[in-house]
Every structure is written in structure tokens, then in C-alpha cells.
Amino acid sequence: MDSSIRDNLYLKERESLSEYAALAENTKGRQKPEEECPVRTPFQRDRDRIVHCAAFRRLMNKTQVFLAPEGDHYRTRLTHTLEVSQIARTIARTLRLNEDLTEAIALGHDLGHTPFGHAGERALDAVFPEGFKHDEQSLRVVDFIEKGGRGLNLTYEVRDGIVCHTRGKEADTLEGRIVKVADKIAYINHDIDDAIRAGVLKNEDIPKSIRKILGETKSQRINTLVISVTQNSTDDIRMAENVKKAFDEIHDFMFDKVYTNPICKSEEGKASDVVKKLYYHFCEYPEQMSEECIRISKEAGVERAACDYVSGMTDNFAINTFYEIYIPKSWQY
């Protein structure tokens, strides 16, 4: 098929993007070489692969902060992912960086997250001998678990951005670094919104010194943060000092008032127990896992397979599986 469409996209990137942007035609490539798509760049193709994968669909039923909330308006891991993508794309577009690469990283950054949010992550980290970090698991999902073990075969730049979105090493591309800051902007602000909806927090509880700089509402705060990033970034991604200071302060405030709040976290102990018991159960009975994880158990060991299986569960699937395994069924005559 004629590749002129893709070549025109490459030309458009060369002509319109910043000197600091990652051009799709200059990608470091995929782990397994494959023929290019005639109508999409490699980064556009990666984005599409992520959106169509099973792990992406499961995000809709995974906890963000509030476990199994009763209400349609609380965030899930999927809505969080979409908000990160929107914020990251806005920043990338304004800085004339590669929006397709930014979007692909944003959409894939949480594919490895556990059921029950960070409570599930901490539980698996405590029992899996190799330790568990959701960013590393997200990379494992796209490299080894999706598509029956073949993986999505994503480009280096997308994979690098996914695994570098939380802590430690910075991503090699500015697009990856945008996702890291967009992730934090998104979760701090939507978690404030959810906490207010849940009655855990009032907007007036946020210190005046922070509200004075960042704004009084979610929209104002996000706008302030995004504009600060776009006005202060060139060869790296950064904010104005006073904005960053206020942002760090509101992050600390949320940990004190929400992320460790007994009301929000009252069920986390139970959720943690569910995850740990499921992990131990499937280590003992690997034949009860999915066919894909049975294969992994034979190749990489039962502990690795049990970790992959449990971390991929949605909240409801984990609860229902626990119920089937550990809760006695009623006797019927």
C-alpha cells in the first residue's frame, strides 16, 4: 500500500514540532521489527494498540482512591487515565512536542495497576518476592502479557515513558516527562474533587496560601498548573518556583487529609487481605488461573504468574473470586 500518507505525517512533524520533540520517524524502534503502517506513524499505532488491549478495558473497574464507591461520579483508574491524557496532550500541543507520543504514554501508564488502587499495589509488593511496582507491571503488561504473551510490541519511547511515569529515572523524552507531571496534576485535583463529593474534605480546608496561588476551584488549579508548565518549559519540563512550591504543599496536604484518612481507608485492610490471599491461593493452585497465566507459571514460575494474574484483576472480579474460594456456599437440598 502507498505510504505517502505516513510520509506526509512525518513531514508535518518535521515542519511543525519543536526542536525538542521526539519525531516519530526517528523512533528507536520496536523490540521486534515489523512493517510500518502506511497511514499511521509508529506512535499513533502504539496509541491505538493500547486503546484496543484488554488491560485498558479493565481500568474502568479498578479503584482510583475510594474503594467500590456507591455513585457514578467517582473516578476509576480509566477516568483517571483519560484525564491524564487530556492534560498531557494540552501541554504537549502548547510546547509543540509530539502529541501522539504523549497520548500513547498517558493511555498506557497505568495498565499494570492492581485492583483496589495503591492498597492492592502495597499488598502485592509485600508478598511477591521480587517486589511489585505498578509502573514496572505496566511495562510488563505491554511487553509480555497482552495478546497471549506476544505483547503489544510498542516503540522504545512509549515503553520508556510508561516505566518512568512515577519515580526514579526521568523519561528520555520530554513527552514522557510531560505525562509524569500530568499524572500528578490529574490525580491531586480529581482526588480533591472526589474527597469533597464524599464529604471527607471541604474546599475551604485547603490552606489559603495554596488557594491564593493555584486557585479556588479544580478548573482554576489545573489551569494554573498547566499554564505554569507551558510557560517555564523548554529543554525540560518544569513549573515556576512558587507554583511548584504550592503544588508540593497541596500534595502533602492530600496525604495528610485524604490518602491516610480513616474514612477513605477504612476498607483498605480488607482489600489488602483479599489481594494477599488470592496471591497465595494461586501460588498453591496455579491450574486455576487463566490459560495465559498457566503458561507464564511454566515459563517464569508460579509466583510470577500469580502476581500477574491477581494484579490484572478488576475490583469486582477479585472480590467475586475471593468469595468463590473462601466463602462457604449455602447448602441446598
C-alpha atoms as a PDB file:
ATOM      1  CA  MET A   1       0.000   0.000   0.000  1.00  0.00           C
ATOM      2  CA  ASP A   2       1.163   3.539  -0.747  1.00  0.00           C
ATOM      3  CA  SER A   3       2.957   5.036   2.277  1.00  0.00           C
ATOM      4  CA  SER A   4       2.521   8.657   1.174  1.00  0.00           C
ATOM      5  CA  ILE A   5       0.045   9.361   3.994  1.00  0.00           C
ATOM      6  CA  ARG A   6       2.536   8.289   6.647  1.00  0.00           C
ATOM      7  CA  ASP A   7       5.333  10.179   4.904  1.00  0.00           C
ATOM      8  CA  ASN A   8       3.201  13.322   4.901  1.00  0.00           C
ATOM      9  CA  LEU A   9       2.670  12.891   8.643  1.00  0.00           C
ATOM     10  CA  TYR A  10       6.432  12.654   9.102  1.00  0.00           C
ATOM     11  CA  LEU A  11       6.859  15.826   7.055  1.00  0.00           C
ATOM     12  CA  LYS A  12       4.227  17.630   9.091  1.00  0.00           C
ATOM     13  CA  GLU A  13       6.051  16.708  12.312  1.00  0.00           C
ATOM     14  CA  ARG A  14       9.375  17.970  10.955  1.00  0.00           C
ATOM     15  CA  GLU A  15       7.815  21.269   9.924  1.00  0.00           C
ATOM     16  CA  SER A  16       5.616  21.956  12.938  1.00  0.00           C
ATOM     17  CA  LEU A  17       7.187  20.419  16.045  1.00  0.00           C
ATOM     18  CA  SER A  18       9.791  21.900  18.353  1.00  0.00           C
ATOM     19  CA  GLU A  19      13.469  21.018  18.115  1.00  0.00           C
ATOM     20  CA  TYR A  20      12.984  19.240  21.469  1.00  0.00           C
ATOM     21  CA  ALA A  21      10.176  16.990  20.216  1.00  0.00           C
ATOM     22  CA  ALA A  22      10.571  13.268  19.604  1.00  0.00           C
ATOM     23  CA  LEU A  23       9.857  12.735  15.910  1.00  0.00           C
ATOM     24  CA  ALA A  24       8.068   9.513  15.050  1.00  0.00           C
ATOM     25  CA  GLU A  25      10.344   8.851  12.094  1.00  0.00           C
ATOM     26  CA  ASN A  26      13.334   8.893  14.464  1.00  0.00           C
ATOM     27  CA  THR A  27      11.955   6.310  16.890  1.00  0.00           C
ATOM     28  CA  LYS A  28      14.485   3.887  18.345  1.00  0.00           C
ATOM     29  CA  GLY A  29      12.124   1.202  17.148  1.00  0.00           C
ATOM     30  CA  ARG A  30      10.372  -1.836  18.495  1.00  0.00           C
ATOM     31  CA  GLN A  31      11.723  -4.894  20.291  1.00  0.00           C
ATOM     32  CA  LYS A  32      10.636  -6.992  17.307  1.00  0.00           C
ATOM     33  CA  PRO A  33      10.943  -5.341  13.883  1.00  0.00           C
ATOM     34  CA  GLU A  34       7.749  -5.140  11.860  1.00  0.00           C
ATOM     35  CA  GLU A  35       6.498  -3.494   8.714  1.00  0.00           C
ATOM     36  CA  GLU A  36       5.340   0.085   9.197  1.00  0.00           C
ATOM     37  CA  CYS A  37       1.704   1.105   8.844  1.00  0.00           C
ATOM     38  CA  PRO A  38       1.147   3.110   5.629  1.00  0.00           C
ATOM     39  CA  VAL A  39      -1.330   5.550   7.209  1.00  0.00           C
ATOM     40  CA  ARG A  40      -0.128   5.935  10.812  1.00  0.00           C
ATOM     41  CA  THR A  41       3.124   6.879  12.475  1.00  0.00           C
ATOM     42  CA  PRO A  42       4.635   4.380  14.952  1.00  0.00           C
ATOM     43  CA  PHE A  43       3.420   6.473  17.909  1.00  0.00           C
ATOM     44  CA  GLN A  44      -0.127   6.662  16.530  1.00  0.00           C
ATOM     45  CA  ARG A  45      -0.059   2.920  16.068  1.00  0.00           C
ATOM     46  CA  ASP A  46       1.084   2.421  19.671  1.00  0.00           C
ATOM     47  CA  ARG A  47      -1.759   4.593  20.938  1.00  0.00           C
ATOM     48  CA  ASP A  48      -4.287   2.508  19.011  1.00  0.00           C
ATOM     49  CA  ARG A  49      -2.824  -0.771  20.266  1.00  0.00           C
ATOM     50  CA  ILE A  50      -3.122   0.411  23.861  1.00  0.00           C
ATOM     51  CA  VAL A  51      -6.730   1.581  23.483  1.00  0.00           C
ATOM     52  CA  HIS A  52      -7.748  -1.784  21.992  1.00  0.00           C
ATOM     53  CA  CYS A  53      -5.960  -4.003  24.517  1.00  0.00           C
ATOM     54  CA  ALA A  54      -7.737  -5.948  27.275  1.00  0.00           C
ATOM     55  CA  ALA A  55      -5.797  -4.315  30.121  1.00  0.00           C
ATOM     56  CA  PHE A  56      -7.048  -0.889  29.034  1.00  0.00           C
ATOM     57  CA  ARG A  57     -10.672  -2.010  29.173  1.00  0.00           C
ATOM     58  CA  ARG A  58     -10.225  -3.413  32.667  1.00  0.00           C
ATOM     59  CA  LEU A  59      -9.213   0.007  34.002  1.00  0.00           C
ATOM     60  CA  MET A  60     -12.876   1.028  34.077  1.00  0.00           C
ATOM     61  CA  ASN A  61     -13.457  -1.315  37.028  1.00  0.00           C
ATOM     62  CA  LYS A  62     -10.337  -0.580  39.048  1.00  0.00           C
ATOM     63  CA  THR A  63     -10.287   1.725  42.062  1.00  0.00           C
ATOM     64  CA  GLN A  64      -8.690   5.151  41.989  1.00  0.00           C
ATOM     65  CA  VAL A  65      -8.939   6.252  45.658  1.00  0.00           C
ATOM     66  CA  PHE A  66     -12.353   5.293  47.025  1.00  0.00           C
ATOM     67  CA  LEU A  67     -12.879   1.524  47.150  1.00  0.00           C
ATOM     68  CA  ALA A  68     -16.086   0.360  45.425  1.00  0.00           C
ATOM     69  CA  PRO A  69     -17.737   3.795  45.674  1.00  0.00           C
ATOM     70  CA  GLU A  70     -21.529   3.957  45.580  1.00  0.00           C
ATOM     71  CA  GLY A  71     -22.051   6.639  42.972  1.00  0.00           C
ATOM     72  CA  ASP A  72     -21.442   7.093  39.281  1.00  0.00           C
ATOM     73  CA  HIS A  73     -19.269  10.183  39.534  1.00  0.00           C
ATOM     74  CA  TYR A  74     -16.227   8.926  41.432  1.00  0.00           C
ATOM     75  CA  ARG A  75     -13.092   8.392  39.402  1.00  0.00           C
ATOM     76  CA  THR A  76     -11.916   4.984  38.316  1.00  0.00           C
ATOM     77  CA  ARG A  77      -8.493   4.097  37.000  1.00  0.00           C
ATOM     78  CA  LEU A  78      -9.850   4.560  33.472  1.00  0.00           C
ATOM     79  CA  THR A  79     -11.285   8.042  34.010  1.00  0.00           C
ATOM     80  CA  HIS A  80      -8.006   8.991  35.709  1.00  0.00           C
ATOM     81  CA  THR A  81      -6.120   7.763  32.648  1.00  0.00           C
ATOM     82  CA  LEU A  82      -8.299   9.832  30.319  1.00  0.00           C
ATOM     83  CA  GLU A  83      -7.815  12.951  32.452  1.00  0.00           C
ATOM     84  CA  VAL A  84      -4.042  12.441  32.425  1.00  0.00           C
ATOM     85  CA  SER A  85      -4.162  12.079  28.651  1.00  0.00           C
ATOM     86  CA  GLN A  86      -6.153  15.289  28.223  1.00  0.00           C
ATOM     87  CA  ILE A  87      -3.821  17.341  30.444  1.00  0.00           C
ATOM     88  CA  ALA A  88      -0.693  15.856  28.891  1.00  0.00           C
ATOM     89  CA  ARG A  89      -1.911  16.465  25.337  1.00  0.00           C
ATOM     90  CA  THR A  90      -2.696  20.099  26.130  1.00  0.00           C
ATOM     91  CA  ILE A  91       0.820  20.643  27.462  1.00  0.00           C
ATOM     92  CA  ALA A  92       2.432  18.799  24.547  1.00  0.00           C
ATOM     93  CA  ARG A  93       0.431  20.735  21.969  1.00  0.00           C
ATOM     94  CA  THR A  94       1.291  24.092  23.527  1.00  0.00           C
ATOM     95  CA  LEU A  95       5.006  23.236  23.692  1.00  0.00           C
ATOM     96  CA  ARG A  96       4.913  21.869  20.135  1.00  0.00           C
ATOM     97  CA  LEU A  97       6.007  18.449  21.304  1.00  0.00           C
ATOM     98  CA  ASN A  98       4.756  15.139  19.912  1.00  0.00           C
ATOM     99  CA  GLU A  99       1.123  14.834  20.946  1.00  0.00           C
ATOM    100  CA  ASP A 100       0.759  11.279  19.587  1.00  0.00           C
ATOM    101  CA  LEU A 101       3.669  10.013  21.672  1.00  0.00           C
ATOM    102  CA  THR A 102       2.404  11.874  24.730  1.00  0.00           C
ATOM    103  CA  GLU A 103      -1.079  10.401  24.346  1.00  0.00           C
ATOM    104  CA  ALA A 104       0.216   6.846  23.893  1.00  0.00           C
ATOM    105  CA  ILE A 105       2.303   7.059  27.075  1.00  0.00           C
ATOM    106  CA  ALA A 106      -0.569   8.600  29.038  1.00  0.00           C
ATOM    107  CA  LEU A 107      -3.070   5.960  27.948  1.00  0.00           C
ATOM    108  CA  GLY A 108      -0.673   3.145  28.823  1.00  0.00           C
ATOM    109  CA  HIS A 109       0.863   4.414  32.034  1.00  0.00           C
ATOM    110  CA  ASP A 110      -1.453   2.577  34.482  1.00  0.00           C
ATOM    111  CA  LEU A 111      -2.158  -0.648  32.584  1.00  0.00           C
ATOM    112  CA  GLY A 112      -0.384  -2.654  35.285  1.00  0.00           C
ATOM    113  CA  HIS A 113      -2.248  -1.212  38.240  1.00  0.00           C
ATOM    114  CA  THR A 114      -3.752  -3.619  40.735  1.00  0.00           C
ATOM    115  CA  PRO A 115      -7.336  -3.887  41.950  1.00  0.00           C
ATOM    116  CA  PHE A 116      -8.086  -1.647  44.944  1.00  0.00           C
ATOM    117  CA  GLY A 117      -5.646   1.083  43.928  1.00  0.00           C
ATOM    118  CA  HIS A 118      -2.447   1.562  45.883  1.00  0.00           C
ATOM    119  CA  ALA A 119      -3.716  -0.718  48.658  1.00  0.00           C
ATOM    120  CA  GLY A 120      -3.545  -3.592  46.189  1.00  0.00           C
ATOM    121  CA  GLU A 121      -0.138  -2.443  44.999  1.00  0.00           C
ATOM    122  CA  ARG A 122       1.261  -2.399  48.536  1.00  0.00           C
ATOM    123  CA  ALA A 123      -0.239  -5.821  49.240  1.00  0.00           C
ATOM    124  CA  LEU A 124       1.417  -7.457  46.236  1.00  0.00           C
ATOM    125  CA  ASP A 125       4.669  -5.659  46.977  1.00  0.00           C
ATOM    126  CA  ALA A 126       4.615  -7.239  50.430  1.00  0.00           C
ATOM    127  CA  VAL A 127       4.091 -10.832  49.265  1.00  0.00           C
ATOM    128  CA  PHE A 128       5.707 -11.119  45.827  1.00  0.00           C
ATOM    129  CA  PRO A 129       9.420 -11.905  46.366  1.00  0.00           C
ATOM    130  CA  GLU A 130      10.578  -9.648  43.532  1.00  0.00           C
ATOM    131  CA  GLY A 131       8.504  -6.735  44.838  1.00  0.00           C
ATOM    132  CA  PHE A 132       5.732  -5.022  42.931  1.00  0.00           C
ATOM    133  CA  LYS A 133       5.543  -1.551  41.374  1.00  0.00           C
ATOM    134  CA  HIS A 134       2.648  -0.691  39.087  1.00  0.00           C
ATOM    135  CA  ASP A 135       4.832   1.230  36.629  1.00  0.00           C
ATOM    136  CA  GLU A 136       7.050  -1.814  36.121  1.00  0.00           C
ATOM    137  CA  GLN A 137       3.970  -4.014  35.823  1.00  0.00           C
ATOM    138  CA  SER A 138       2.521  -1.662  33.193  1.00  0.00           C
ATOM    139  CA  LEU A 139       5.630  -2.258  31.096  1.00  0.00           C
ATOM    140  CA  ARG A 140       5.349  -5.989  31.686  1.00  0.00           C
ATOM    141  CA  VAL A 141       1.731  -5.916  30.515  1.00  0.00           C
ATOM    142  CA  VAL A 142       2.598  -4.326  27.183  1.00  0.00           C
ATOM    143  CA  ASP A 143       5.775  -6.385  26.708  1.00  0.00           C
ATOM    144  CA  PHE A 144       4.831  -9.896  27.852  1.00  0.00           C
ATOM    145  CA  ILE A 145       1.198 -10.321  28.884  1.00  0.00           C
ATOM    146  CA  GLU A 146      -1.073  -8.794  26.241  1.00  0.00           C
ATOM    147  CA  LYS A 147      -2.047 -10.704  23.114  1.00  0.00           C
ATOM    148  CA  GLY A 148      -1.451 -14.143  24.553  1.00  0.00           C
ATOM    149  CA  GLY A 149       2.074 -13.397  25.661  1.00  0.00           C
ATOM    150  CA  ARG A 150       3.194 -11.753  22.432  1.00  0.00           C
ATOM    151  CA  GLY A 151       2.845  -8.267  23.907  1.00  0.00           C
ATOM    152  CA  LEU A 152       1.954  -5.102  22.027  1.00  0.00           C
ATOM    153  CA  ASN A 153       5.474  -4.609  20.659  1.00  0.00           C
ATOM    154  CA  LEU A 154       5.449  -0.868  21.375  1.00  0.00           C
ATOM    155  CA  THR A 155       8.164   1.585  20.445  1.00  0.00           C
ATOM    156  CA  TYR A 156      11.041   2.307  22.809  1.00  0.00           C
ATOM    157  CA  GLU A 157       9.822   5.846  23.500  1.00  0.00           C
ATOM    158  CA  VAL A 158       6.353   4.756  24.645  1.00  0.00           C
ATOM    159  CA  ARG A 159       7.753   1.946  26.783  1.00  0.00           C
ATOM    160  CA  ASP A 160      10.289   4.308  28.362  1.00  0.00           C
ATOM    161  CA  GLY A 161       7.593   6.857  29.165  1.00  0.00           C
ATOM    162  CA  ILE A 162       5.360   4.219  30.763  1.00  0.00           C
ATOM    163  CA  VAL A 163       8.008   2.826  33.102  1.00  0.00           C
ATOM    164  CA  CYS A 164       9.322   6.287  34.064  1.00  0.00           C
ATOM    165  CA  HIS A 165       5.992   7.921  34.898  1.00  0.00           C
ATOM    166  CA  THR A 166       6.219   7.791  38.690  1.00  0.00           C
ATOM    167  CA  ARG A 167       9.564   7.866  40.452  1.00  0.00           C
ATOM    168  CA  GLY A 168      13.269   7.433  39.902  1.00  0.00           C
ATOM    169  CA  LYS A 169      14.684   7.801  36.406  1.00  0.00           C
ATOM    170  CA  GLU A 170      13.263  10.534  34.198  1.00  0.00           C
ATOM    171  CA  ALA A 171      11.949   9.558  30.783  1.00  0.00           C
ATOM    172  CA  ASP A 172      14.312  10.057  27.865  1.00  0.00           C
ATOM    173  CA  THR A 173      11.746  12.177  26.021  1.00  0.00           C
ATOM    174  CA  LEU A 174      10.060  15.392  27.090  1.00  0.00           C
ATOM    175  CA  GLU A 175       6.792  13.758  26.121  1.00  0.00           C
ATOM    176  CA  GLY A 176       7.377  11.111  28.782  1.00  0.00           C
ATOM    177  CA  ARG A 177       8.221  13.784  31.341  1.00  0.00           C
ATOM    178  CA  ILE A 178       5.004  15.613  30.498  1.00  0.00           C
ATOM    179  CA  VAL A 179       2.998  12.500  31.374  1.00  0.00           C
ATOM    180  CA  LYS A 180       4.771  12.278  34.725  1.00  0.00           C
ATOM    181  CA  VAL A 181       3.703  15.791  35.728  1.00  0.00           C
ATOM    182  CA  ALA A 182       0.254  15.438  34.112  1.00  0.00           C
ATOM    183  CA  ASP A 183      -0.367  12.282  36.139  1.00  0.00           C
ATOM    184  CA  LYS A 184       0.282  14.190  39.358  1.00  0.00           C
ATOM    185  CA  ILE A 185      -1.774  17.218  38.266  1.00  0.00           C
ATOM    186  CA  ALA A 186      -4.687  14.943  37.393  1.00  0.00           C
ATOM    187  CA  TYR A 187      -4.779  12.747  40.471  1.00  0.00           C
ATOM    188  CA  ILE A 188      -4.274  15.529  43.016  1.00  0.00           C
ATOM    189  CA  ASN A 189      -7.108  17.587  41.566  1.00  0.00           C
ATOM    190  CA  HIS A 190      -9.610  14.838  40.837  1.00  0.00           C
ATOM    191  CA  ASP A 191      -8.914  13.282  44.237  1.00  0.00           C
ATOM    192  CA  ILE A 192      -9.769  16.629  45.848  1.00  0.00           C
ATOM    193  CA  ASP A 193     -12.988  16.629  43.820  1.00  0.00           C
ATOM    194  CA  ASP A 194     -13.867  13.073  44.894  1.00  0.00           C
ATOM    195  CA  ALA A 195     -12.984  13.793  48.535  1.00  0.00           C
ATOM    196  CA  ILE A 196     -15.304  16.817  48.551  1.00  0.00           C
ATOM    197  CA  ARG A 197     -18.064  14.720  46.978  1.00  0.00           C
ATOM    198  CA  ALA A 198     -17.540  12.077  49.665  1.00  0.00           C
ATOM    199  CA  GLY A 199     -17.757  14.641  52.467  1.00  0.00           C
ATOM    200  CA  VAL A 200     -14.193  13.959  53.576  1.00  0.00           C
ATOM    201  CA  LEU A 201     -12.976  17.409  52.606  1.00  0.00           C
ATOM    202  CA  LYS A 202     -14.288  20.919  52.037  1.00  0.00           C
ATOM    203  CA  ASN A 203     -12.695  23.306  49.597  1.00  0.00           C
ATOM    204  CA  GLU A 204     -12.133  25.771  52.458  1.00  0.00           C
ATOM    205  CA  ASP A 205      -9.952  23.154  54.172  1.00  0.00           C
ATOM    206  CA  ILE A 206      -7.245  23.723  51.582  1.00  0.00           C
ATOM    207  CA  PRO A 207      -4.841  26.287  53.066  1.00  0.00           C
ATOM    208  CA  LYS A 208      -5.433  29.847  51.834  1.00  0.00           C
ATOM    209  CA  SER A 209      -1.779  30.204  50.859  1.00  0.00           C
ATOM    210  CA  ILE A 210      -2.220  27.355  48.368  1.00  0.00           C
ATOM    211  CA  ARG A 211      -5.570  28.585  47.058  1.00  0.00           C
ATOM    212  CA  LYS A 212      -4.153  32.044  46.534  1.00  0.00           C
ATOM    213  CA  ILE A 213      -1.532  30.698  44.123  1.00  0.00           C
ATOM    214  CA  LEU A 214      -3.272  27.747  42.476  1.00  0.00           C
ATOM    215  CA  GLY A 215      -6.887  28.923  42.542  1.00  0.00           C
ATOM    216  CA  GLU A 216     -10.146  28.188  44.334  1.00  0.00           C
ATOM    217  CA  THR A 217     -11.583  25.515  42.046  1.00  0.00           C
ATOM    218  CA  LYS A 218     -10.409  22.353  40.323  1.00  0.00           C
ATOM    219  CA  SER A 219     -10.501  24.074  36.939  1.00  0.00           C
ATOM    220  CA  GLN A 220      -8.519  27.046  38.207  1.00  0.00           C
ATOM    221  CA  ARG A 221      -5.893  24.819  39.800  1.00  0.00           C
ATOM    222  CA  ILE A 222      -5.423  22.692  36.709  1.00  0.00           C
ATOM    223  CA  ASN A 223      -5.300  25.794  34.521  1.00  0.00           C
ATOM    224  CA  THR A 224      -2.665  27.420  36.756  1.00  0.00           C
ATOM    225  CA  LEU A 225      -0.505  24.289  36.780  1.00  0.00           C
ATOM    226  CA  VAL A 226      -0.754  23.621  33.053  1.00  0.00           C
ATOM    227  CA  ILE A 227      -0.007  27.234  32.126  1.00  0.00           C
ATOM    228  CA  SER A 228       2.947  27.293  34.512  1.00  0.00           C
ATOM    229  CA  VAL A 229       4.392  24.184  32.873  1.00  0.00           C
ATOM    230  CA  THR A 230       3.927  25.577  29.372  1.00  0.00           C
ATOM    231  CA  GLN A 231       5.455  28.943  30.272  1.00  0.00           C
ATOM    232  CA  ASN A 232       8.514  27.546  32.026  1.00  0.00           C
ATOM    233  CA  SER A 233       9.463  24.519  29.913  1.00  0.00           C
ATOM    234  CA  THR A 234      11.891  24.483  27.026  1.00  0.00           C
ATOM    235  CA  ASP A 235      14.550  21.770  27.089  1.00  0.00           C
ATOM    236  CA  ASP A 236      12.944  20.201  30.170  1.00  0.00           C
ATOM    237  CA  ILE A 237       9.536  20.128  31.877  1.00  0.00           C
ATOM    238  CA  ARG A 238       9.247  22.455  34.855  1.00  0.00           C
ATOM    239  CA  MET A 239       6.972  24.888  36.717  1.00  0.00           C
ATOM    240  CA  ALA A 240       7.545  28.338  38.186  1.00  0.00           C
ATOM    241  CA  GLU A 241       9.075  28.023  41.653  1.00  0.00           C
ATOM    242  CA  ASN A 242       6.123  29.499  43.553  1.00  0.00           C
ATOM    243  CA  VAL A 243       3.652  27.279  41.687  1.00  0.00           C
ATOM    244  CA  LYS A 244       5.756  24.166  42.247  1.00  0.00           C
ATOM    245  CA  LYS A 245       6.027  25.008  45.955  1.00  0.00           C
ATOM    246  CA  ALA A 246       2.239  25.353  46.228  1.00  0.00           C
ATOM    247  CA  PHE A 247       1.776  22.145  44.242  1.00  0.00           C
ATOM    248  CA  ASP A 248       4.115  20.244  46.571  1.00  0.00           C
ATOM    249  CA  GLU A 249       2.224  21.662  49.545  1.00  0.00           C
ATOM    250  CA  ILE A 250      -1.162  20.569  48.234  1.00  0.00           C
ATOM    251  CA  HIS A 251       0.306  17.125  47.559  1.00  0.00           C
ATOM    252  CA  ASP A 252       1.418  16.894  51.209  1.00  0.00           C
ATOM    253  CA  PHE A 253      -1.973  18.234  52.308  1.00  0.00           C
ATOM    254  CA  MET A 254      -3.767  15.462  50.411  1.00  0.00           C
ATOM    255  CA  PHE A 255      -1.628  12.778  52.019  1.00  0.00           C
ATOM    256  CA  ASP A 256      -2.403  14.170  55.452  1.00  0.00           C
ATOM    257  CA  LYS A 257      -6.132  14.766  54.956  1.00  0.00           C
ATOM    258  CA  VAL A 258      -7.296  12.250  52.345  1.00  0.00           C
ATOM    259  CA  TYR A 259      -4.847   9.499  51.379  1.00  0.00           C
ATOM    260  CA  THR A 260      -4.378   8.483  55.022  1.00  0.00           C
ATOM    261  CA  ASN A 261      -7.869   9.468  56.170  1.00  0.00           C
ATOM    262  CA  PRO A 262      -9.576   6.672  58.165  1.00  0.00           C
ATOM    263  CA  ILE A 263     -12.866   7.287  56.341  1.00  0.00           C
ATOM    264  CA  CYS A 264     -11.268   6.825  52.921  1.00  0.00           C
ATOM    265  CA  LYS A 265      -9.072   3.963  54.021  1.00  0.00           C
ATOM    266  CA  SER A 266     -11.425   2.091  56.351  1.00  0.00           C
ATOM    267  CA  GLU A 267     -11.742  -0.845  53.934  1.00  0.00           C
ATOM    268  CA  GLU A 268      -8.119  -0.952  52.766  1.00  0.00           C
ATOM    269  CA  GLY A 269      -7.116  -3.598  55.287  1.00  0.00           C
ATOM    270  CA  LYS A 270      -9.789  -5.916  53.925  1.00  0.00           C
ATOM    271  CA  ALA A 271      -8.787  -5.149  50.339  1.00  0.00           C
ATOM    272  CA  SER A 272      -5.159  -5.882  51.165  1.00  0.00           C
ATOM    273  CA  ASP A 273      -6.122  -9.210  52.731  1.00  0.00           C
ATOM    274  CA  VAL A 274      -8.121 -10.150  49.630  1.00  0.00           C
ATOM    275  CA  VAL A 275      -5.159  -9.481  47.346  1.00  0.00           C
ATOM    276  CA  LYS A 276      -2.687 -11.357  49.542  1.00  0.00           C
ATOM    277  CA  LYS A 277      -4.936 -14.389  49.996  1.00  0.00           C
ATOM    278  CA  LEU A 278      -5.652 -14.575  46.277  1.00  0.00           C
ATOM    279  CA  TYR A 279      -1.934 -14.422  45.529  1.00  0.00           C
ATOM    280  CA  TYR A 280      -1.151 -17.236  47.984  1.00  0.00           C
ATOM    281  CA  HIS A 281      -4.063 -19.319  46.715  1.00  0.00           C
ATOM    282  CA  PHE A 282      -2.974 -19.164  43.081  1.00  0.00           C
ATOM    283  CA  CYS A 283       0.634 -19.872  44.025  1.00  0.00           C
ATOM    284  CA  GLU A 284      -0.683 -23.117  45.511  1.00  0.00           C
ATOM    285  CA  TYR A 285      -3.223 -23.856  42.785  1.00  0.00           C
ATOM    286  CA  PRO A 286      -1.815 -22.377  39.559  1.00  0.00           C
ATOM    287  CA  GLU A 287      -4.048 -24.604  37.447  1.00  0.00           C
ATOM    288  CA  GLN A 288      -6.996 -22.429  38.495  1.00  0.00           C
ATOM    289  CA  MET A 289      -5.593 -19.324  36.801  1.00  0.00           C
ATOM    290  CA  SER A 290      -6.248 -18.202  33.243  1.00  0.00           C
ATOM    291  CA  GLU A 291      -4.634 -20.149  30.413  1.00  0.00           C
ATOM    292  CA  GLU A 292      -2.248 -17.276  29.820  1.00  0.00           C
ATOM    293  CA  CYS A 293      -1.067 -17.269  33.431  1.00  0.00           C
ATOM    294  CA  ILE A 294      -0.761 -21.053  33.472  1.00  0.00           C
ATOM    295  CA  ARG A 295       1.643 -20.627  30.563  1.00  0.00           C
ATOM    296  CA  ILE A 296       3.543 -17.948  32.475  1.00  0.00           C
ATOM    297  CA  SER A 297       3.754 -20.223  35.531  1.00  0.00           C
ATOM    298  CA  LYS A 298       5.521 -22.862  33.440  1.00  0.00           C
ATOM    299  CA  GLU A 299       7.933 -20.365  31.922  1.00  0.00           C
ATOM    300  CA  ALA A 300       8.601 -17.913  34.765  1.00  0.00           C
ATOM    301  CA  GLY A 301       7.347 -19.701  37.888  1.00  0.00           C
ATOM    302  CA  VAL A 302       4.077 -19.768  39.810  1.00  0.00           C
ATOM    303  CA  GLU A 303       4.866 -16.696  41.926  1.00  0.00           C
ATOM    304  CA  ARG A 304       5.370 -14.531  38.845  1.00  0.00           C
ATOM    305  CA  ALA A 305       2.220 -15.920  37.260  1.00  0.00           C
ATOM    306  CA  ALA A 306       0.120 -15.437  40.409  1.00  0.00           C
ATOM    307  CA  CYS A 307       1.325 -11.836  40.660  1.00  0.00           C
ATOM    308  CA  ASP A 308       0.403 -11.202  37.023  1.00  0.00           C
ATOM    309  CA  TYR A 309      -2.995 -12.824  37.455  1.00  0.00           C
ATOM    310  CA  VAL A 310      -4.021 -11.023  40.634  1.00  0.00           C
ATOM    311  CA  SER A 311      -2.655  -7.629  39.562  1.00  0.00           C
ATOM    312  CA  GLY A 312      -4.698  -7.834  36.369  1.00  0.00           C
ATOM    313  CA  MET A 313      -7.989  -8.361  38.183  1.00  0.00           C
ATOM    314  CA  THR A 314     -10.666  -5.703  38.453  1.00  0.00           C
ATOM    315  CA  ASP A 315     -12.010  -4.886  41.912  1.00  0.00           C
ATOM    316  CA  ASN A 316     -15.236  -6.851  41.389  1.00  0.00           C
ATOM    317  CA  PHE A 317     -13.510  -9.847  39.845  1.00  0.00           C
ATOM    318  CA  ALA A 318     -11.094 -10.001  42.781  1.00  0.00           C
ATOM    319  CA  ILE A 319     -13.969  -9.817  45.286  1.00  0.00           C
ATOM    320  CA  ASN A 320     -16.042 -12.435  43.445  1.00  0.00           C
ATOM    321  CA  THR A 321     -13.056 -14.761  43.081  1.00  0.00           C
ATOM    322  CA  PHE A 322     -12.263 -14.407  46.775  1.00  0.00           C
ATOM    323  CA  TYR A 323     -15.891 -15.139  47.591  1.00  0.00           C
ATOM    324  CA  GLU A 324     -15.897 -18.299  45.476  1.00  0.00           C
ATOM    325  CA  ILE A 325     -12.674 -19.580  47.030  1.00  0.00           C
ATOM    326  CA  TYR A 326     -13.048 -18.662  50.695  1.00  0.00           C
ATOM    327  CA  ILE A 327     -16.743 -18.117  51.496  1.00  0.00           C
ATOM    328  CA  PRO A 328     -18.763 -21.301  52.183  1.00  0.00           C
ATOM    329  CA  LYS A 329     -21.662 -21.809  49.829  1.00  0.00           C
ATOM    330  CA  SER A 330     -25.129 -22.277  51.257  1.00  0.00           C
ATOM    331  CA  TRP A 331     -26.264 -25.886  51.445  1.00  0.00           C
ATOM    332  CA  GLN A 332     -29.252 -26.523  49.185  1.00  0.00           C
ATOM    333  CA  TYR A 333     -31.463 -29.589  49.174  1.00  0.00           C
END
